[in-house]
Each structure stands twice: as C-alpha cells, then as structure tokens.
C-alpha cells in the first residue's frame, strides 16, 4: 500500500521488527519514548524520510507507552495528579511541535533532532 505522498515504505520485516523491538525496549527502560532511538533507526535502517520517520515514531510511541505504562501502573509508580496536570499542556505543545515540524525542510529537521539528542546527552552526563 502506498502512502498518500507516493513514498514507498520499505517492507523489510526483519529490520522493522528490530526497529520496533529496540524502540519499545528503550521506551520502557528510559521513559523518554523510543523516538530518540526509533527515528534514527527509521531513517537509517528503514530509509524513511526524516518527516515520515517522526510521524511514524509518534504513532508507534502511543502503543509502546501504553504497554510500558501498564507495568508502572501495576507497581503504583504513576503520579496521577501530575500526569493529569501535564496532559493538557503537552497535547497543546505536541500540536505546535507537529505543525512546526511539518513546515521544516528534512535537513533542518535532522539538524534540530541531532542538536536535541546532543543537548539531552550532555545534560544527562553533566547534571545526571
């Protein structure tokens, strides 16, 4: 099946399974969403464009997050009041981010994503 844009999606099942497994594992382990691993795998291993990789990763993260959060709910580790308070503003922020992403050329989007990963990595190393 071809997407609306006509871009052909690679159907290498082994690579797709590997990408999904690694992205889901990182989501469950780190709580940061597998996008930080999933997007590079989707663009590198599965050869998706940057924009399509971001969009696909967002769909996947919904289900990965639901699967992972079930384990945290079982253990009583969710701060429900904080989660409720953050939900509205994060939905608004996600809408704004998706619109900005859609307006960016792929090259700029790759640069922004790369800088984001570097900043997060440095922050974790320095302020861990």
N, C-alpha and C. Protein backbone atom coordinates (compact mmCIF):
# COMPACT_ATOMS: atom_id res chain seq x y z
N UNK A 1 0.84 -1.18 0.00
CA UNK A 1 0.00 0.00 0.00
C UNK A 1 0.88 1.24 0.00
N UNK A 2 0.62 2.18 -0.89
CA UNK A 2 1.42 3.39 -0.97
C UNK A 2 0.79 4.51 -0.15
N UNK A 3 1.61 5.25 0.57
CA UNK A 3 1.08 6.41 1.30
C UNK A 3 0.58 7.47 0.34
N UNK A 4 -0.15 8.43 0.87
CA UNK A 4 -0.72 9.49 0.06
C UNK A 4 0.34 10.22 -0.73
N UNK A 5 1.53 10.43 -0.16
CA UNK A 5 2.58 11.18 -0.84
C UNK A 5 3.23 10.39 -1.95
N UNK A 6 2.95 9.09 -2.04
CA UNK A 6 3.55 8.27 -3.07
C UNK A 6 4.89 7.68 -2.66
N UNK A 7 5.39 8.03 -1.47
CA UNK A 7 6.66 7.49 -1.00
C UNK A 7 6.49 6.01 -0.70
N UNK A 8 7.37 5.21 -1.20
CA UNK A 8 7.29 3.77 -0.97
C UNK A 8 7.91 3.42 0.38
N UNK A 9 7.17 2.69 1.18
CA UNK A 9 7.64 2.30 2.51
C UNK A 9 8.37 0.97 2.40
N UNK A 10 9.59 0.88 2.92
CA UNK A 10 10.33 -0.38 2.86
C UNK A 10 9.61 -1.47 3.67
N UNK A 11 9.63 -2.68 3.16
CA UNK A 11 8.90 -3.75 3.83
C UNK A 11 9.84 -4.86 4.29
N UNK A 12 11.04 -4.50 4.71
CA UNK A 12 11.97 -5.48 5.25
C UNK A 12 11.52 -5.82 6.67
N UNK A 13 10.84 -6.93 6.82
CA UNK A 13 10.23 -7.28 8.11
C UNK A 13 11.26 -7.44 9.23
N UNK A 14 12.41 -8.01 8.93
CA UNK A 14 13.42 -8.19 9.97
C UNK A 14 13.90 -6.85 10.51
N UNK A 15 14.15 -5.91 9.62
CA UNK A 15 14.58 -4.58 10.06
C UNK A 15 13.46 -3.88 10.82
N UNK A 16 12.24 -4.03 10.37
CA UNK A 16 11.10 -3.41 11.06
C UNK A 16 10.92 -4.01 12.45
N UNK A 17 11.04 -5.31 12.57
CA UNK A 17 10.91 -5.97 13.87
C UNK A 17 12.03 -5.52 14.80
N UNK A 18 13.25 -5.46 14.29
CA UNK A 18 14.38 -5.00 15.08
C UNK A 18 14.15 -3.56 15.56
N UNK A 19 13.73 -2.68 14.66
CA UNK A 19 13.49 -1.28 14.99
C UNK A 19 12.41 -1.16 16.06
N UNK A 20 11.31 -1.87 15.89
CA UNK A 20 10.22 -1.82 16.87
C UNK A 20 10.64 -2.36 18.23
N UNK A 21 11.38 -3.44 18.22
CA UNK A 21 11.82 -4.04 19.49
C UNK A 21 12.77 -3.11 20.23
N UNK A 22 13.75 -2.57 19.53
CA UNK A 22 14.70 -1.67 20.18
C UNK A 22 14.00 -0.40 20.65
N UNK A 23 13.15 0.18 19.81
CA UNK A 23 12.42 1.39 20.21
C UNK A 23 11.52 1.15 21.41
N UNK A 24 10.82 0.03 21.43
CA UNK A 24 9.95 -0.30 22.56
C UNK A 24 10.75 -0.54 23.82
N UNK A 25 11.88 -1.24 23.69
CA UNK A 25 12.74 -1.50 24.84
C UNK A 25 13.24 -0.19 25.46
N UNK A 26 13.72 0.71 24.60
CA UNK A 26 14.23 1.99 25.10
C UNK A 26 13.10 2.81 25.72
N UNK A 27 11.91 2.77 25.14
CA UNK A 27 10.77 3.47 25.73
C UNK A 27 10.47 2.97 27.14
N UNK A 28 10.38 1.66 27.27
CA UNK A 28 10.08 1.09 28.58
C UNK A 28 11.19 1.31 29.59
N UNK A 29 12.42 1.23 29.14
CA UNK A 29 13.57 1.35 30.03
C UNK A 29 13.81 2.78 30.50
N UNK A 30 13.71 3.73 29.59
CA UNK A 30 14.13 5.10 29.90
C UNK A 30 12.98 6.07 30.13
N UNK A 31 11.79 5.73 29.66
CA UNK A 31 10.66 6.64 29.84
C UNK A 31 10.72 7.86 28.96
N UNK A 32 11.63 7.89 27.99
CA UNK A 32 11.76 9.07 27.13
C UNK A 32 11.08 8.88 25.79
N UNK A 33 10.43 7.77 25.62
CA UNK A 33 9.85 7.50 24.32
C UNK A 33 10.94 6.96 23.42
N UNK A 34 10.62 5.95 22.71
CA UNK A 34 11.60 5.32 21.84
C UNK A 34 11.99 6.16 20.65
N UNK A 35 11.39 7.34 20.51
CA UNK A 35 11.69 8.20 19.36
C UNK A 35 13.15 8.55 19.22
N UNK A 36 13.84 8.66 20.35
CA UNK A 36 15.25 9.00 20.27
C UNK A 36 16.08 7.89 19.64
N UNK A 37 15.56 6.67 19.70
CA UNK A 37 16.20 5.55 19.04
C UNK A 37 15.46 5.20 17.76
N UNK A 38 14.13 5.29 17.82
CA UNK A 38 13.29 4.88 16.70
C UNK A 38 13.54 5.75 15.45
N UNK A 39 13.61 7.05 15.61
CA UNK A 39 13.77 7.94 14.45
C UNK A 39 15.08 7.65 13.70
N UNK A 40 16.22 7.57 14.41
CA UNK A 40 17.45 7.22 13.68
C UNK A 40 17.38 5.85 13.00
N UNK A 41 16.73 4.88 13.64
CA UNK A 41 16.59 3.57 13.01
C UNK A 41 15.67 3.64 11.79
N UNK A 42 14.59 4.39 11.89
CA UNK A 42 13.66 4.51 10.76
C UNK A 42 14.31 5.22 9.57
N UNK A 43 15.13 6.23 9.85
CA UNK A 43 15.78 6.94 8.74
C UNK A 43 16.98 6.18 8.21
N UNK A 44 17.74 5.53 9.10
CA UNK A 44 18.94 4.82 8.66
C UNK A 44 18.66 3.43 8.15
N UNK A 45 18.07 2.61 8.99
CA UNK A 45 17.87 1.21 8.66
C UNK A 45 16.72 1.00 7.67
N UNK A 46 15.63 1.73 7.86
CA UNK A 46 14.46 1.54 7.00
C UNK A 46 14.32 2.59 5.91
N UNK A 47 15.24 3.56 5.89
CA UNK A 47 15.35 4.55 4.81
C UNK A 47 14.12 5.45 4.65
N UNK A 48 13.42 5.74 5.73
CA UNK A 48 12.31 6.69 5.67
C UNK A 48 12.85 8.11 5.65
N UNK A 49 12.09 9.03 5.12
CA UNK A 49 12.49 10.44 5.20
C UNK A 49 12.38 10.88 6.66
N UNK A 50 13.04 11.96 6.99
CA UNK A 50 13.03 12.44 8.37
C UNK A 50 11.60 12.70 8.84
N UNK A 51 10.82 13.39 8.03
CA UNK A 51 9.44 13.73 8.40
C UNK A 51 8.59 12.48 8.60
N UNK A 52 8.69 11.53 7.68
CA UNK A 52 7.91 10.29 7.78
C UNK A 52 8.37 9.48 9.00
N UNK A 53 9.66 9.51 9.31
CA UNK A 53 10.17 8.80 10.48
C UNK A 53 9.61 9.41 11.76
N UNK A 54 9.56 10.74 11.84
CA UNK A 54 9.00 11.39 13.03
C UNK A 54 7.53 11.02 13.18
N UNK A 55 6.79 11.11 12.09
CA UNK A 55 5.35 10.81 12.13
C UNK A 55 5.11 9.34 12.51
N UNK A 56 5.85 8.44 11.92
CA UNK A 56 5.70 7.02 12.20
C UNK A 56 6.08 6.72 13.65
N UNK A 57 7.14 7.34 14.12
CA UNK A 57 7.57 7.14 15.51
C UNK A 57 6.50 7.61 16.48
N UNK A 58 5.82 8.70 16.17
CA UNK A 58 4.76 9.19 17.06
C UNK A 58 3.61 8.20 17.17
N UNK A 59 3.27 7.56 16.06
CA UNK A 59 2.21 6.54 16.11
C UNK A 59 2.66 5.37 16.97
N UNK A 60 3.87 4.91 16.75
CA UNK A 60 4.39 3.76 17.48
C UNK A 60 4.48 4.04 18.97
N UNK A 61 4.90 5.25 19.33
CA UNK A 61 5.12 5.58 20.74
C UNK A 61 3.82 5.52 21.54
N UNK A 62 2.69 5.76 20.90
CA UNK A 62 1.40 5.65 21.59
C UNK A 62 1.25 4.25 22.18
N UNK A 63 1.47 3.26 21.34
CA UNK A 63 1.28 1.87 21.77
C UNK A 63 2.40 1.39 22.68
N UNK A 64 3.62 1.82 22.39
CA UNK A 64 4.74 1.45 23.26
C UNK A 64 4.55 2.05 24.65
N UNK A 65 4.08 3.29 24.71
CA UNK A 65 3.85 3.94 26.01
C UNK A 65 2.75 3.22 26.78
N UNK A 66 1.68 2.84 26.10
CA UNK A 66 0.61 2.11 26.78
C UNK A 66 1.11 0.78 27.34
N UNK A 67 1.92 0.10 26.55
CA UNK A 67 2.45 -1.19 27.01
C UNK A 67 3.38 -0.99 28.20
N UNK A 68 4.22 0.02 28.15
CA UNK A 68 5.18 0.27 29.23
C UNK A 68 4.49 0.80 30.48
N UNK A 69 3.54 1.73 30.31
CA UNK A 69 2.91 2.34 31.49
C UNK A 69 2.12 1.31 32.29
N UNK A 70 1.65 0.27 31.65
CA UNK A 70 0.92 -0.76 32.39
C UNK A 70 1.78 -1.33 33.51
N UNK A 71 3.07 -1.50 33.26
CA UNK A 71 3.97 -2.03 34.28
C UNK A 71 4.16 -1.05 35.43
N UNK A 72 4.18 0.24 35.12
CA UNK A 72 4.32 1.27 36.15
C UNK A 72 3.03 1.41 36.96
N UNK A 73 1.88 1.26 36.30
CA UNK A 73 0.59 1.32 37.00
C UNK A 73 0.49 0.17 37.98
N UNK A 74 0.84 -1.02 37.54
CA UNK A 74 0.79 -2.21 38.41
C UNK A 74 1.61 -2.00 39.67
N UNK A 75 2.72 -1.30 39.55
CA UNK A 75 3.62 -1.07 40.69
C UNK A 75 3.30 0.22 41.46
N UNK A 76 2.24 0.92 41.04
CA UNK A 76 1.83 2.14 41.74
C UNK A 76 2.81 3.30 41.63
N UNK A 77 3.51 3.39 40.50
CA UNK A 77 4.56 4.40 40.35
C UNK A 77 4.14 5.61 39.51
N UNK A 78 2.86 5.73 39.18
CA UNK A 78 2.41 6.86 38.38
C UNK A 78 1.90 7.96 39.30
N UNK A 79 2.36 9.17 39.10
CA UNK A 79 1.86 10.34 39.82
C UNK A 79 0.68 10.87 39.00
N UNK A 80 -0.53 10.40 39.34
CA UNK A 80 -1.72 10.69 38.53
C UNK A 80 -2.07 12.17 38.51
N UNK A 81 -1.90 12.88 39.62
CA UNK A 81 -2.21 14.31 39.66
C UNK A 81 -1.27 15.08 38.72
N UNK A 82 0.00 14.75 38.78
CA UNK A 82 0.96 15.41 37.90
C UNK A 82 0.70 15.05 36.44
N UNK A 83 0.41 13.77 36.19
CA UNK A 83 0.12 13.34 34.81
C UNK A 83 -1.07 14.09 34.25
N UNK A 84 -2.12 14.26 35.05
CA UNK A 84 -3.30 15.00 34.60
C UNK A 84 -2.95 16.45 34.32
N UNK A 85 -2.16 17.05 35.19
CA UNK A 85 -1.79 18.46 35.01
C UNK A 85 -0.93 18.66 33.76
N UNK A 86 -0.06 17.72 33.48
CA UNK A 86 0.83 17.85 32.32
C UNK A 86 0.15 17.50 30.99
N UNK A 87 -0.92 16.72 31.05
CA UNK A 87 -1.55 16.23 29.82
C UNK A 87 -2.03 17.34 28.91
N UNK A 88 -2.75 18.29 29.44
CA UNK A 88 -3.32 19.36 28.61
C UNK A 88 -2.22 20.16 27.92
N UNK A 89 -1.24 20.60 28.70
CA UNK A 89 -0.19 21.42 28.09
C UNK A 89 0.67 20.61 27.13
N UNK A 90 0.87 19.32 27.40
CA UNK A 90 1.67 18.51 26.48
C UNK A 90 0.92 18.26 25.16
N UNK A 91 -0.39 18.15 25.23
CA UNK A 91 -1.18 18.00 23.99
C UNK A 91 -1.08 19.27 23.15
N UNK A 92 -1.16 20.41 23.80
CA UNK A 92 -1.02 21.69 23.09
C UNK A 92 0.39 21.79 22.50
N UNK A 93 1.40 21.49 23.32
CA UNK A 93 2.78 21.54 22.84
C UNK A 93 3.04 20.60 21.69
N UNK A 94 2.46 19.41 21.74
CA UNK A 94 2.63 18.43 20.66
C UNK A 94 2.02 18.94 19.35
N UNK A 95 0.87 19.58 19.45
CA UNK A 95 0.24 20.15 18.24
C UNK A 95 1.13 21.22 17.62
N UNK A 96 1.65 22.10 18.46
CA UNK A 96 2.53 23.16 17.97
C UNK A 96 3.79 22.56 17.36
N UNK A 97 4.40 21.59 18.06
CA UNK A 97 5.61 20.95 17.56
C UNK A 97 5.38 20.24 16.22
N UNK A 98 4.25 19.56 16.08
CA UNK A 98 3.95 18.86 14.83
C UNK A 98 3.76 19.84 13.68
N UNK A 99 3.14 20.97 13.96
CA UNK A 99 2.96 21.99 12.90
C UNK A 99 4.29 22.60 12.49
N UNK A 100 5.15 22.87 13.46
CA UNK A 100 6.48 23.41 13.16
C UNK A 100 7.28 22.38 12.37
N UNK A 101 7.24 21.12 12.80
CA UNK A 101 7.96 20.06 12.10
C UNK A 101 7.50 19.93 10.66
N UNK A 102 6.21 20.04 10.45
CA UNK A 102 5.67 19.91 9.09
C UNK A 102 6.17 21.02 8.17
N UNK A 103 6.43 22.18 8.74
CA UNK A 103 6.87 23.32 7.94
C UNK A 103 8.38 23.31 7.69
N UNK A 104 9.13 22.47 8.37
CA UNK A 104 10.59 22.45 8.24
C UNK A 104 11.05 21.53 7.11
N UNK A 105 12.09 21.93 6.41
CA UNK A 105 12.71 21.01 5.45
C UNK A 105 13.36 19.84 6.20
N UNK A 106 13.47 18.68 5.55
CA UNK A 106 14.05 17.50 6.20
C UNK A 106 15.44 17.76 6.77
N UNK A 107 16.25 18.51 6.05
CA UNK A 107 17.62 18.78 6.51
C UNK A 107 17.61 19.54 7.83
N UNK A 108 16.77 20.56 7.94
CA UNK A 108 16.66 21.33 9.18
C UNK A 108 16.11 20.45 10.30
N UNK A 109 15.16 19.63 9.98
CA UNK A 109 14.56 18.74 10.97
C UNK A 109 15.60 17.78 11.53
N UNK A 110 16.44 17.23 10.65
CA UNK A 110 17.53 16.36 11.10
C UNK A 110 18.48 17.11 12.02
N UNK A 111 18.78 18.35 11.68
CA UNK A 111 19.68 19.16 12.49
C UNK A 111 19.07 19.43 13.87
N UNK A 112 17.81 19.83 13.91
CA UNK A 112 17.13 20.09 15.18
C UNK A 112 17.11 18.81 16.04
N UNK A 113 16.78 17.69 15.43
CA UNK A 113 16.73 16.43 16.16
C UNK A 113 18.11 16.04 16.68
N UNK A 114 19.14 16.23 15.87
CA UNK A 114 20.51 15.92 16.28
C UNK A 114 20.95 16.80 17.45
N UNK A 115 20.67 18.09 17.36
CA UNK A 115 21.03 19.01 18.45
C UNK A 115 20.28 18.62 19.72
N UNK A 116 19.02 18.27 19.59
CA UNK A 116 18.22 17.82 20.74
C UNK A 116 18.88 16.63 21.42
N UNK A 117 19.29 15.63 20.63
CA UNK A 117 19.91 14.44 21.20
C UNK A 117 21.22 14.78 21.91
N UNK A 118 22.00 15.67 21.31
CA UNK A 118 23.27 16.08 21.92
C UNK A 118 23.02 16.81 23.24
N UNK A 119 22.07 17.74 23.24
CA UNK A 119 21.76 18.50 24.46
C UNK A 119 21.28 17.57 25.57
N UNK A 120 20.40 16.64 25.23
CA UNK A 120 19.91 15.69 26.23
C UNK A 120 21.06 14.84 26.75
N UNK A 121 21.92 14.36 25.86
CA UNK A 121 23.05 13.55 26.28
C UNK A 121 24.00 14.30 27.20
N UNK A 122 24.33 15.53 26.84
CA UNK A 122 25.22 16.34 27.68
C UNK A 122 24.56 16.62 29.02
N UNK A 123 23.28 16.96 29.00
CA UNK A 123 22.58 17.23 30.26
C UNK A 123 22.61 16.02 31.19
N UNK A 124 22.37 14.85 30.63
CA UNK A 124 22.39 13.64 31.45
C UNK A 124 23.79 13.36 32.01
N UNK A 125 24.81 13.61 31.22
CA UNK A 125 26.17 13.37 31.69
C UNK A 125 26.61 14.38 32.74
N UNK A 126 26.25 15.64 32.53
CA UNK A 126 26.71 16.71 33.41
C UNK A 126 25.84 16.84 34.67
N UNK A 127 24.52 16.78 34.49
CA UNK A 127 23.61 17.03 35.61
C UNK A 127 22.92 15.76 36.11
N UNK A 128 23.32 14.59 35.58
CA UNK A 128 22.70 13.31 35.86
C UNK A 128 22.27 13.12 37.26
